[in-house]
Amino acid sequence: MLWLSTLMGEVSRVVVKMAM
């Protein structure tokens, strides 16, 4: 499931952006 890992990467990047 490549799309799943890509989705997780996008979600974690947004979370990191919000955490800042």
PDB file of N, CA and C in Angstrom:
ATOM      1  N   MET A   1       0.847  -1.204   0.000  1.00  0.00           N
ATOM      2  CA  MET A   1       0.000   0.000   0.000  1.00  0.00           C
ATOM      3  C   MET A   1       0.879   1.250   0.000  1.00  0.00           C
ATOM      4  N   LEU A   2       1.274   1.662  -1.182  1.00  0.00           N
ATOM      5  CA  LEU A   2       2.141   2.838  -1.293  1.00  0.00           C
ATOM      6  C   LEU A   2       1.372   4.112  -0.941  1.00  0.00           C
ATOM      7  N   TRP A   3       0.089   4.157  -1.361  1.00  0.00           N
ATOM      8  CA  TRP A   3      -0.706   5.355  -1.094  1.00  0.00           C
ATOM      9  C   TRP A   3      -0.895   5.570   0.401  1.00  0.00           C
ATOM     10  N   LEU A   4      -0.911   4.461   1.158  1.00  0.00           N
ATOM     11  CA  LEU A   4      -1.113   4.569   2.603  1.00  0.00           C
ATOM     12  C   LEU A   4       0.096   5.231   3.256  1.00  0.00           C
ATOM     13  N   SER A   5       1.292   4.808   2.864  1.00  0.00           N
ATOM     14  CA  SER A   5       2.509   5.394   3.440  1.00  0.00           C
ATOM     15  C   SER A   5       2.619   6.857   3.024  1.00  0.00           C
ATOM     16  N   THR A   6       2.194   7.159   1.802  1.00  0.00           N
ATOM     17  CA  THR A   6       2.241   8.550   1.331  1.00  0.00           C
ATOM     18  C   THR A   6       1.271   9.399   2.140  1.00  0.00           C
ATOM     19  N   LEU A   7       0.087   8.845   2.405  1.00  0.00           N
ATOM     20  CA  LEU A   7      -0.909   9.569   3.186  1.00  0.00           C
ATOM     21  C   LEU A   7      -0.393   9.810   4.597  1.00  0.00           C
ATOM     22  N   MET A   8       0.248   8.797   5.185  1.00  0.00           N
ATOM     23  CA  MET A   8       0.796   8.941   6.536  1.00  0.00           C
ATOM     24  C   MET A   8       1.879  10.013   6.543  1.00  0.00           C
ATOM     25  N   GLY A   9       2.673  10.074   5.493  1.00  0.00           N
ATOM     26  CA  GLY A   9       3.739  11.078   5.407  1.00  0.00           C
ATOM     27  C   GLY A   9       3.142  12.477   5.356  1.00  0.00           C
ATOM     28  N   GLU A  10       2.067  12.638   4.592  1.00  0.00           N
ATOM     29  CA  GLU A  10       1.417  13.945   4.488  1.00  0.00           C
ATOM     30  C   GLU A  10       0.820  14.345   5.833  1.00  0.00           C
ATOM     31  N   VAL A  11       0.162  13.393   6.497  1.00  0.00           N
ATOM     32  CA  VAL A  11      -0.468  13.666   7.795  1.00  0.00           C
ATOM     33  C   VAL A  11       0.583  14.056   8.824  1.00  0.00           C
ATOM     34  N   SER A  12       1.698  13.298   8.878  1.00  0.00           N
ATOM     35  CA  SER A  12       2.724  13.625   9.878  1.00  0.00           C
ATOM     36  C   SER A  12       3.338  14.978   9.594  1.00  0.00           C
ATOM     37  N   ARG A  13       3.460  15.341   8.319  1.00  0.00           N
ATOM     38  CA  ARG A  13       4.051  16.638   7.989  1.00  0.00           C
ATOM     39  C   ARG A  13       3.130  17.765   8.446  1.00  0.00           C
ATOM     40  N   VAL A  14       1.824  17.579   8.284  1.00  0.00           N
ATOM     41  CA  VAL A  14       0.857  18.585   8.729  1.00  0.00           C
ATOM     42  C   VAL A  14       0.877  18.698  10.250  1.00  0.00           C
ATOM     43  N   VAL A  15       0.988  17.555  10.925  1.00  0.00           N
ATOM     44  CA  VAL A  15       1.017  17.550  12.391  1.00  0.00           C
ATOM     45  C   VAL A  15       2.250  18.298  12.886  1.00  0.00           C
ATOM     46  N   VAL A  16       3.386  18.052  12.234  1.00  0.00           N
ATOM     47  CA  VAL A  16       4.624  18.738  12.630  1.00  0.00           C
ATOM     48  C   VAL A  16       4.479  20.238  12.402  1.00  0.00           C
ATOM     49  N   LYS A  17       3.838  20.619  11.294  1.00  0.00           N
ATOM     50  CA  LYS A  17       3.654  22.038  10.992  1.00  0.00           C
ATOM     51  C   LYS A  17       2.772  22.689  12.050  1.00  0.00           C
ATOM     52  N   MET A  18       1.729  21.970  12.493  1.00  0.00           N
ATOM     53  CA  MET A  18       0.834  22.511  13.513  1.00  0.00           C
ATOM     54  C   MET A  18       1.536  22.568  14.867  1.00  0.00           C
ATOM     55  N   ALA A  19       2.408  21.591  15.129  1.00  0.00           N
ATOM     56  CA  ALA A  19       3.104  21.527  16.413  1.00  0.00           C
ATOM     57  C   ALA A  19       4.047  22.720  16.561  1.00  0.00           C
ATOM     58  N   MET A  20       4.551  23.216  15.429  1.00  0.00           N
ATOM     59  CA  MET A  20       5.471  24.355  15.503  1.00  0.00           C
ATOM     60  C   MET A  20       4.683  25.595  15.883  1.00  0.00           C
TER      61      MET A  20
END
